[in-house]
N, C-alpha and C. Protein backbone atom coordinates (compact mmCIF):
# COMPACT_ATOMS: atom_id res chain seq x y z
N MET A 1 1.56 -16.03 -53.59
CA MET A 1 0.75 -14.93 -54.62
C MET A 1 -0.07 -15.76 -55.75
N GLY A 2 -1.18 -15.99 -55.85
CA GLY A 2 -1.79 -16.59 -56.84
C GLY A 2 -1.39 -15.93 -58.31
N VAL A 3 -1.61 -16.80 -59.45
CA VAL A 3 -1.37 -16.51 -60.66
C VAL A 3 -2.43 -15.47 -61.16
N ILE A 4 -3.71 -15.53 -60.99
CA ILE A 4 -4.65 -14.36 -60.96
C ILE A 4 -4.40 -13.14 -60.46
N THR A 5 -3.87 -13.34 -59.28
CA THR A 5 -3.49 -12.12 -58.42
C THR A 5 -2.02 -11.21 -59.08
N ARG A 6 -1.08 -12.32 -59.51
CA ARG A 6 -0.06 -11.35 -60.34
C ARG A 6 -0.52 -10.84 -61.67
N VAL A 7 -1.38 -11.62 -62.38
CA VAL A 7 -1.93 -10.82 -63.66
C VAL A 7 -2.64 -9.96 -63.48
N ILE A 8 -3.26 -9.41 -62.48
CA ILE A 8 -4.30 -8.30 -62.05
C ILE A 8 -2.81 -7.07 -61.58
N ASN A 9 -2.17 -7.69 -60.87
CA ASN A 9 -1.25 -6.52 -60.17
C ASN A 9 -0.24 -5.96 -61.49
N TRP A 10 -0.04 -6.73 -62.57
CA TRP A 10 0.92 -6.54 -63.67
C TRP A 10 0.02 -5.66 -64.63
N ALA A 11 -1.24 -5.94 -64.50
CA ALA A 11 -1.84 -5.34 -65.55
C ALA A 11 -2.13 -3.96 -65.01
N ARG A 12 -2.18 -3.59 -63.67
CA ARG A 12 -2.70 -2.39 -63.19
C ARG A 12 -1.60 -1.51 -63.46
N VAL A 13 -0.08 -2.14 -62.98
CA VAL A 13 1.06 -1.38 -63.21
C VAL A 13 1.49 -0.94 -64.81
N LYS A 14 1.16 -2.21 -65.67
CA LYS A 14 1.40 -2.00 -67.12
C LYS A 14 0.17 -1.05 -67.76
N SER A 15 -0.65 -0.93 -67.46
CA SER A 15 -1.80 -0.40 -68.05
C SER A 15 -2.77 0.56 -67.35
N PRO A 16 -2.47 1.20 -66.82
CA PRO A 16 -3.20 2.14 -65.58
C PRO A 16 -4.25 3.11 -66.50
N TRP A 17 -5.31 2.96 -66.00
CA TRP A 17 -6.23 3.94 -66.64
C TRP A 17 -6.55 4.78 -66.01
N VAL A 18 -6.65 6.20 -66.63
CA VAL A 18 -7.00 7.29 -66.02
C VAL A 18 -8.17 8.11 -66.08
N LEU A 19 -8.88 8.85 -65.18
CA LEU A 19 -10.05 9.54 -65.29
C LEU A 19 -9.33 11.10 -65.02
N HIS A 20 -9.71 11.98 -65.98
CA HIS A 20 -9.35 13.42 -65.87
C HIS A 20 -10.53 13.84 -65.26
N PHE A 21 -10.55 14.68 -63.97
CA PHE A 21 -11.51 15.59 -63.37
C PHE A 21 -11.10 16.93 -63.01
N ASN A 22 -12.06 17.92 -63.58
CA ASN A 22 -11.50 19.44 -63.58
C ASN A 22 -12.58 19.77 -62.27
N THR A 23 -11.81 20.43 -61.08
CA THR A 23 -12.54 20.99 -59.88
C THR A 23 -12.78 22.27 -59.76
N GLY A 24 -12.66 22.99 -61.01
CA GLY A 24 -12.89 24.39 -61.04
C GLY A 24 -11.80 25.32 -61.34
N ALA A 25 -10.81 24.92 -62.35
CA ALA A 25 -9.82 25.93 -62.35
C ALA A 25 -9.79 26.48 -63.79
N CYS A 26 -8.80 27.14 -64.29
CA CYS A 26 -9.09 28.01 -65.36
C CYS A 26 -9.16 27.26 -66.72
N ASN A 27 -8.66 25.85 -66.86
CA ASN A 27 -8.69 24.82 -67.90
C ASN A 27 -7.19 24.96 -68.61
N ALA A 28 -6.19 25.52 -67.78
CA ALA A 28 -4.77 25.43 -68.72
C ALA A 28 -4.33 24.32 -68.49
N CYS A 29 -4.11 23.56 -67.02
CA CYS A 29 -3.75 22.28 -67.15
C CYS A 29 -4.74 21.05 -68.01
N ASP A 30 -5.94 21.49 -68.03
CA ASP A 30 -6.61 20.57 -68.72
C ASP A 30 -6.07 20.56 -70.43
N ILE A 31 -5.76 21.68 -70.49
CA ILE A 31 -5.25 21.44 -71.95
C ILE A 31 -4.06 20.59 -72.21
N GLU A 32 -2.94 21.14 -71.10
CA GLU A 32 -1.98 20.36 -71.10
C GLU A 32 -2.10 18.66 -70.91
N ILE A 33 -3.20 18.31 -70.31
CA ILE A 33 -3.41 17.05 -69.72
C ILE A 33 -3.72 16.30 -71.11
N ILE A 34 -4.58 16.81 -71.84
CA ILE A 34 -4.91 16.58 -73.15
C ILE A 34 -3.64 16.35 -74.27
N ALA A 35 -2.87 17.57 -73.92
CA ALA A 35 -1.74 17.58 -75.18
C ALA A 35 -0.96 16.38 -74.87
N SER A 36 -0.88 15.86 -73.33
CA SER A 36 0.32 14.91 -73.33
C SER A 36 -0.18 13.52 -73.75
N LEU A 37 -1.52 13.30 -73.87
CA LEU A 37 -2.19 12.02 -74.66
C LEU A 37 -2.17 12.16 -76.15
N THR A 38 -1.58 13.25 -76.81
CA THR A 38 -1.55 13.41 -78.35
C THR A 38 -0.36 12.58 -78.48
N PRO A 39 -0.28 12.53 -79.98
CA PRO A 39 0.96 11.71 -80.43
C PRO A 39 2.20 12.36 -80.06
N CYS A 40 2.04 13.77 -79.96
CA CYS A 40 3.27 14.44 -79.92
C CYS A 40 3.90 14.07 -78.42
N PHE A 41 3.49 13.99 -77.71
CA PHE A 41 4.17 13.76 -76.29
C PHE A 41 4.01 12.06 -75.95
N ASP A 42 2.68 11.36 -76.54
CA ASP A 42 2.16 10.38 -76.35
C ASP A 42 2.54 9.38 -75.00
N LEU A 43 1.68 9.50 -74.25
CA LEU A 43 1.55 9.10 -72.86
C LEU A 43 1.14 7.73 -72.77
N GLU A 44 0.36 7.67 -73.99
CA GLU A 44 -0.12 6.41 -74.21
C GLU A 44 0.81 5.01 -74.22
N ARG A 45 2.31 5.34 -74.48
CA ARG A 45 3.13 4.46 -74.86
C ARG A 45 3.57 3.93 -73.57
N PHE A 46 2.92 4.50 -72.54
CA PHE A 46 3.19 3.88 -71.00
C PHE A 46 2.37 3.13 -70.72
N GLY A 47 1.17 2.90 -71.33
CA GLY A 47 0.00 1.99 -71.32
C GLY A 47 -1.10 3.26 -70.67
N VAL A 48 -0.98 4.23 -70.37
CA VAL A 48 -2.06 5.03 -70.07
C VAL A 48 -3.16 5.25 -70.72
N VAL A 49 -4.49 4.92 -70.49
CA VAL A 49 -5.56 5.42 -71.49
C VAL A 49 -6.79 6.11 -70.57
N LEU A 50 -7.13 7.05 -71.26
CA LEU A 50 -7.83 8.15 -70.56
C LEU A 50 -9.43 7.35 -70.57
N LYS A 51 -9.97 7.27 -69.41
CA LYS A 51 -11.41 6.67 -69.61
C LYS A 51 -12.43 7.86 -69.20
N ALA A 52 -13.76 7.17 -69.40
CA ALA A 52 -14.82 8.61 -68.70
C ALA A 52 -15.44 7.94 -67.55
N THR A 53 -15.20 6.93 -67.10
CA THR A 53 -15.81 6.68 -66.03
C THR A 53 -15.13 6.14 -64.98
N PRO A 54 -15.30 6.44 -63.78
CA PRO A 54 -14.51 6.25 -62.66
C PRO A 54 -14.52 4.82 -62.20
N ARG A 55 -15.81 4.10 -62.31
CA ARG A 55 -15.41 2.38 -62.33
C ARG A 55 -14.47 1.90 -63.15
N HIS A 56 -14.08 2.41 -64.15
CA HIS A 56 -13.22 1.66 -65.02
C HIS A 56 -11.43 2.28 -64.62
N ALA A 57 -11.65 3.25 -63.86
CA ALA A 57 -10.18 4.18 -63.51
C ALA A 57 -9.29 3.73 -62.42
N ASP A 58 -8.18 3.35 -62.68
CA ASP A 58 -7.18 3.37 -61.44
C ASP A 58 -6.75 4.70 -60.97
N ILE A 59 -6.41 5.65 -61.76
CA ILE A 59 -5.88 6.88 -61.51
C ILE A 59 -6.91 7.97 -61.72
N LEU A 60 -7.01 8.96 -60.64
CA LEU A 60 -7.59 10.10 -60.76
C LEU A 60 -7.10 11.38 -60.95
N LEU A 61 -6.86 11.85 -62.13
CA LEU A 61 -6.08 13.12 -62.43
C LEU A 61 -7.26 14.23 -62.10
N CYS A 62 -6.55 15.27 -60.94
CA CYS A 62 -7.28 16.16 -60.75
C CYS A 62 -6.65 17.65 -60.95
N SER A 63 -7.25 18.49 -61.68
CA SER A 63 -6.52 19.59 -61.63
C SER A 63 -7.86 20.77 -61.21
N GLY A 64 -7.13 21.83 -60.69
CA GLY A 64 -7.92 22.92 -59.92
C GLY A 64 -8.52 23.08 -58.36
N PRO A 65 -8.29 23.93 -57.80
CA PRO A 65 -8.72 23.46 -56.45
C PRO A 65 -10.02 22.85 -56.09
N VAL A 66 -10.50 22.55 -54.92
CA VAL A 66 -11.44 22.00 -54.60
C VAL A 66 -12.57 23.08 -54.10
N THR A 67 -13.84 23.18 -54.79
CA THR A 67 -14.48 24.37 -54.46
C THR A 67 -15.52 23.92 -53.37
N ARG A 68 -16.39 24.47 -52.85
CA ARG A 68 -17.31 23.67 -51.70
C ARG A 68 -18.43 23.33 -53.02
N GLN A 69 -18.69 23.46 -53.84
CA GLN A 69 -19.56 23.01 -54.82
C GLN A 69 -19.15 21.90 -55.02
N ILE A 70 -17.99 21.29 -55.60
CA ILE A 70 -17.28 20.37 -55.98
C ILE A 70 -16.94 19.31 -54.87
N GLU A 71 -16.90 19.34 -54.15
CA GLU A 71 -16.22 18.59 -52.98
C GLU A 71 -16.89 17.39 -52.83
N SER A 72 -18.58 17.33 -52.69
CA SER A 72 -19.21 16.09 -52.43
C SER A 72 -18.86 15.37 -54.10
N ARG A 73 -18.90 15.84 -54.88
CA ARG A 73 -19.19 15.43 -56.21
C ARG A 73 -17.86 14.59 -56.54
N LEU A 74 -16.43 15.13 -56.05
CA LEU A 74 -15.11 14.59 -56.11
C LEU A 74 -15.18 13.43 -55.15
N LYS A 75 -15.82 13.41 -53.81
CA LYS A 75 -15.84 12.42 -52.79
C LYS A 75 -16.34 10.99 -53.33
N MET A 76 -17.74 11.15 -54.25
CA MET A 76 -18.55 10.59 -54.82
C MET A 76 -17.88 9.65 -55.79
N ILE A 77 -16.90 10.38 -56.80
CA ILE A 77 -16.25 10.11 -57.81
C ILE A 77 -15.23 9.23 -57.28
N TYR A 78 -14.25 9.47 -56.02
CA TYR A 78 -13.26 9.02 -55.86
C TYR A 78 -13.77 7.43 -55.01
N GLU A 79 -15.08 7.50 -54.57
CA GLU A 79 -15.70 6.35 -53.68
C GLU A 79 -16.19 5.46 -55.00
N GLN A 80 -16.39 5.53 -56.45
CA GLN A 80 -16.80 4.94 -56.87
C GLN A 80 -15.65 4.01 -57.85
N MET A 81 -14.60 4.64 -57.34
CA MET A 81 -13.23 3.93 -57.86
C MET A 81 -13.15 2.48 -57.52
N LEU A 82 -12.69 1.53 -58.16
CA LEU A 82 -12.08 0.32 -57.87
C LEU A 82 -10.82 0.56 -56.86
N GLU A 83 -10.74 -0.24 -55.63
CA GLU A 83 -9.16 -0.40 -55.28
C GLU A 83 -8.49 -1.18 -55.78
N PRO A 84 -6.87 -0.98 -55.96
CA PRO A 84 -6.39 0.32 -55.30
C PRO A 84 -6.67 1.56 -56.36
N LYS A 85 -6.71 2.63 -55.88
CA LYS A 85 -6.98 3.73 -56.52
C LYS A 85 -6.48 5.04 -56.06
N PHE A 86 -5.61 5.96 -57.16
CA PHE A 86 -4.93 6.72 -56.61
C PHE A 86 -5.36 8.10 -56.99
N VAL A 87 -4.77 9.03 -56.37
CA VAL A 87 -5.36 10.52 -57.07
C VAL A 87 -3.81 11.12 -57.25
N VAL A 88 -4.16 11.88 -58.47
CA VAL A 88 -2.81 12.70 -58.46
C VAL A 88 -3.21 14.15 -58.76
N ALA A 89 -2.33 14.98 -58.15
CA ALA A 89 -2.78 16.72 -58.22
C ALA A 89 -2.19 17.16 -59.12
N VAL A 90 -2.66 17.80 -60.49
CA VAL A 90 -1.96 18.13 -61.53
C VAL A 90 -2.16 19.79 -61.51
N GLY A 91 -0.85 20.30 -61.31
CA GLY A 91 -1.04 21.92 -61.08
C GLY A 91 -0.88 22.72 -60.01
N THR A 92 -0.64 23.87 -59.85
CA THR A 92 -0.33 24.26 -58.58
C THR A 92 -1.90 24.72 -57.65
N CYS A 93 -2.61 24.72 -58.67
CA CYS A 93 -4.04 24.94 -57.94
C CYS A 93 -4.49 23.55 -57.34
N ALA A 94 -4.46 22.39 -57.78
CA ALA A 94 -4.77 21.28 -57.32
C ALA A 94 -3.79 20.85 -56.26
N CYS A 95 -2.36 21.31 -56.38
CA CYS A 95 -1.61 20.86 -55.15
C CYS A 95 -1.59 22.08 -53.68
N SER A 96 -2.30 23.01 -53.90
CA SER A 96 -1.96 23.80 -53.01
C SER A 96 -3.29 25.00 -52.89
N GLY A 97 -4.16 24.92 -53.85
CA GLY A 97 -5.19 25.96 -54.11
C GLY A 97 -4.61 27.11 -55.22
N GLY A 98 -3.24 27.26 -55.14
CA GLY A 98 -2.95 28.21 -56.11
C GLY A 98 -3.50 29.73 -55.93
N VAL A 99 -3.84 30.11 -57.23
CA VAL A 99 -4.17 31.57 -57.24
C VAL A 99 -5.38 31.63 -56.53
N PHE A 100 -6.26 30.75 -56.48
CA PHE A 100 -7.61 30.73 -55.89
C PHE A 100 -7.75 30.55 -54.38
N LYS A 101 -6.38 30.29 -53.57
CA LYS A 101 -6.20 29.91 -52.59
C LYS A 101 -6.94 31.50 -51.67
N GLY A 102 -7.82 31.12 -50.61
CA GLY A 102 -8.24 31.98 -49.88
C GLY A 102 -9.55 33.05 -50.63
N CYS A 103 -10.07 32.24 -51.47
CA CYS A 103 -11.23 32.78 -52.27
C CYS A 103 -12.44 32.23 -51.18
N TYR A 104 -13.73 32.71 -51.30
CA TYR A 104 -14.63 32.35 -50.48
C TYR A 104 -15.53 31.21 -50.40
N ASN A 105 -15.24 30.59 -51.96
CA ASN A 105 -15.56 29.56 -52.37
C ASN A 105 -14.97 28.08 -52.60
N VAL A 106 -13.45 28.35 -52.44
CA VAL A 106 -12.48 27.40 -52.56
C VAL A 106 -11.94 26.87 -51.19
N LYS A 107 -11.60 25.49 -50.98
CA LYS A 107 -11.46 24.94 -49.84
C LYS A 107 -9.95 24.87 -49.46
N ALA A 108 -9.10 24.40 -50.68
CA ALA A 108 -7.84 24.46 -50.78
C ALA A 108 -7.63 23.30 -51.85
N GLY A 109 -6.57 22.86 -51.68
CA GLY A 109 -6.15 21.71 -52.82
C GLY A 109 -6.70 20.34 -52.55
N ILE A 110 -6.52 19.50 -53.40
CA ILE A 110 -7.13 18.25 -53.48
C ILE A 110 -6.95 17.49 -52.10
N ASP A 111 -5.58 17.59 -51.75
CA ASP A 111 -5.42 16.77 -50.37
C ASP A 111 -6.33 17.33 -49.15
N LYS A 112 -7.16 18.35 -49.48
CA LYS A 112 -7.39 18.76 -48.38
C LYS A 112 -8.98 17.86 -48.00
N VAL A 113 -9.13 17.08 -49.25
CA VAL A 113 -10.13 16.03 -49.43
C VAL A 113 -10.04 14.68 -49.88
N LEU A 114 -8.92 14.89 -50.54
CA LEU A 114 -8.84 13.04 -50.61
C LEU A 114 -7.17 12.41 -50.54
N PRO A 115 -6.61 11.37 -50.28
CA PRO A 115 -5.48 11.07 -50.04
C PRO A 115 -4.82 11.32 -51.27
N VAL A 116 -3.91 12.00 -51.54
CA VAL A 116 -2.87 12.28 -53.01
C VAL A 116 -1.70 11.41 -53.18
N ALA A 117 -1.85 10.57 -54.06
CA ALA A 117 -0.38 9.83 -54.26
C ALA A 117 0.63 10.60 -54.88
N ALA A 118 0.60 11.52 -55.70
CA ALA A 118 1.52 12.13 -56.44
C ALA A 118 1.11 13.80 -56.73
N TYR A 119 1.78 14.49 -56.54
CA TYR A 119 2.07 15.99 -57.02
C TYR A 119 2.75 16.24 -58.11
N ILE A 120 1.86 17.06 -58.92
CA ILE A 120 3.00 17.38 -60.18
C ILE A 120 2.60 19.11 -60.19
N PRO A 121 3.62 19.75 -59.89
CA PRO A 121 3.24 21.33 -59.87
C PRO A 121 3.55 22.02 -61.16
N GLY A 122 2.77 23.19 -61.08
CA GLY A 122 3.34 24.19 -62.41
C GLY A 122 2.26 24.64 -62.95
N CYS A 123 2.22 25.90 -63.51
CA CYS A 123 0.97 26.67 -63.86
C CYS A 123 1.25 27.41 -65.06
N PRO A 124 0.95 26.66 -66.16
CA PRO A 124 0.12 25.25 -66.04
C PRO A 124 1.35 24.26 -66.13
N VAL A 125 0.72 23.34 -65.88
CA VAL A 125 1.80 21.98 -65.60
C VAL A 125 2.32 21.62 -67.17
N SER A 126 3.14 20.97 -67.49
CA SER A 126 3.82 21.02 -68.71
C SER A 126 3.40 19.67 -68.95
N PRO A 127 3.21 19.31 -70.20
CA PRO A 127 2.99 17.56 -70.58
C PRO A 127 4.34 16.66 -70.03
N LYS A 128 5.76 17.17 -70.23
CA LYS A 128 6.75 16.32 -69.80
C LYS A 128 6.68 16.17 -68.27
N ALA A 129 6.24 17.24 -67.85
CA ALA A 129 6.30 16.95 -66.31
C ALA A 129 5.01 16.29 -65.57
N LEU A 130 4.22 15.90 -66.47
CA LEU A 130 2.94 15.24 -66.03
C LEU A 130 3.57 13.66 -66.46
N ILE A 131 4.26 13.80 -67.41
CA ILE A 131 4.48 12.09 -67.94
C ILE A 131 5.68 11.56 -66.86
N ASP A 132 6.47 12.56 -66.26
CA ASP A 132 7.28 12.04 -65.70
C ASP A 132 6.86 11.85 -64.18
N GLY A 133 5.93 12.66 -63.77
CA GLY A 133 5.02 12.62 -62.58
C GLY A 133 4.35 11.03 -62.86
N LEU A 134 3.88 10.79 -63.96
CA LEU A 134 3.14 9.69 -63.95
C LEU A 134 3.98 8.55 -63.65
N VAL A 135 5.15 8.36 -64.54
CA VAL A 135 5.96 7.44 -64.52
C VAL A 135 6.55 7.07 -63.18
N LYS A 136 6.88 8.14 -62.48
CA LYS A 136 7.36 8.01 -60.76
C LYS A 136 6.49 7.21 -60.45
N LEU A 137 5.12 7.54 -60.28
CA LEU A 137 4.03 6.88 -59.51
C LEU A 137 3.97 5.62 -60.12
N LEU A 138 3.88 5.34 -61.47
CA LEU A 138 3.98 4.04 -62.05
C LEU A 138 5.20 2.95 -61.53
N ASN A 139 6.21 3.60 -61.44
CA ASN A 139 7.39 2.70 -60.53
C ASN A 139 7.21 2.94 -59.40
N SER A 140 6.73 3.51 -58.49
CA SER A 140 6.54 3.62 -56.90
C SER A 140 5.35 2.40 -56.73
N LEU A 141 4.46 2.18 -57.70
CA LEU A 141 3.47 1.25 -57.69
C LEU A 141 4.16 -0.23 -57.89
N GLU A 142 5.09 -0.06 -59.14
CA GLU A 142 5.56 -1.69 -59.19
C GLU A 142 6.73 -1.94 -58.20
N GLU A 143 7.06 -1.05 -57.25
CA GLU A 143 8.08 -1.35 -56.08
C GLU A 143 7.05 -1.73 -54.78
N ASN A 144 6.24 -1.33 -54.90
CA ASN A 144 5.05 -1.36 -53.98
C ASN A 144 4.34 -2.94 -54.18
N LYS A 145 4.02 -3.31 -55.58
CA LYS A 145 3.83 -4.57 -55.89
C LYS A 145 4.40 -5.43 -55.23
N LYS A 146 6.07 -5.25 -55.27
CA LYS A 146 6.69 -6.39 -55.46
C LYS A 146 6.95 -6.57 -53.69
N ARG A 147 6.34 -5.29 -52.99
CA ARG A 147 6.45 -5.44 -51.32
C ARG A 147 5.29 -6.22 -50.68
N GLU A 148 4.38 -5.98 -51.45
CA GLU A 148 2.88 -6.52 -50.61
C GLU A 148 2.00 -7.04 -51.91
N GLU A 149 1.32 -7.69 -51.41
CA GLU A 149 0.23 -8.60 -52.24
C GLU A 149 -1.04 -7.62 -52.48
N VAL A 150 -1.45 -7.37 -53.35
CA VAL A 150 -2.84 -6.46 -53.52
C VAL A 150 -3.75 -7.52 -53.52
N PRO A 151 -4.91 -7.67 -52.77
CA PRO A 151 -5.93 -8.51 -52.61
C PRO A 151 -6.96 -8.44 -54.25
N CYS A 152 -7.28 -9.57 -54.77
CA CYS A 152 -7.72 -9.75 -55.90
C CYS A 152 -9.54 -9.13 -55.92
N PRO A 153 -9.59 -8.26 -57.00
CA PRO A 153 -11.29 -8.34 -56.69
C PRO A 153 -11.84 -9.17 -57.16
N LEU A 154 -11.41 -10.30 -58.05
CA LEU A 154 -12.54 -11.51 -58.31
C LEU A 154 -12.78 -12.52 -57.22
N LYS A 155 -14.00 -12.60 -57.19
CA LYS A 155 -14.25 -13.90 -56.27
C LYS A 155 -14.24 -15.12 -56.74
N LYS A 156 -13.80 -15.96 -56.08
CA LYS A 156 -13.49 -17.34 -56.72
C LYS A 156 -14.82 -17.96 -56.92
N ILE A 157 -15.02 -18.79 -57.57
CA ILE A 157 -16.38 -19.29 -58.08
C ILE A 157 -16.33 -20.75 -57.70
């Protein structure tokens, strides 16, 4: 494993950048996601940084069920993220459709559209559960990093 690849893998685990995306929920989980980033819960102590663009994000935090209107946008955002990329379903609506399941415009949870790496249930999800879920995801990434080498996105000059 090259030095550059090891540095990139270390940076991905130690400083994951997240993109928060609401697919059409009641905003209760969104408030809890933002609360987890405040100094009271301090998700940033694990290196997690909220980003505004999918091109810089490693993890896509999705809250809410997938509606027919948002499905194509969600896929487009996912495709814009660089590899390796991970999706986290935050809240009951994102995990299974929640109270919106069966509505005419709702497809279901995030996993019907994108591959989900972690599910964090709750209505709304508590900041402590969100932090616990993200830390478990980071720990599993670190274990996977030891088992396999992730290809370096940088081209050799």
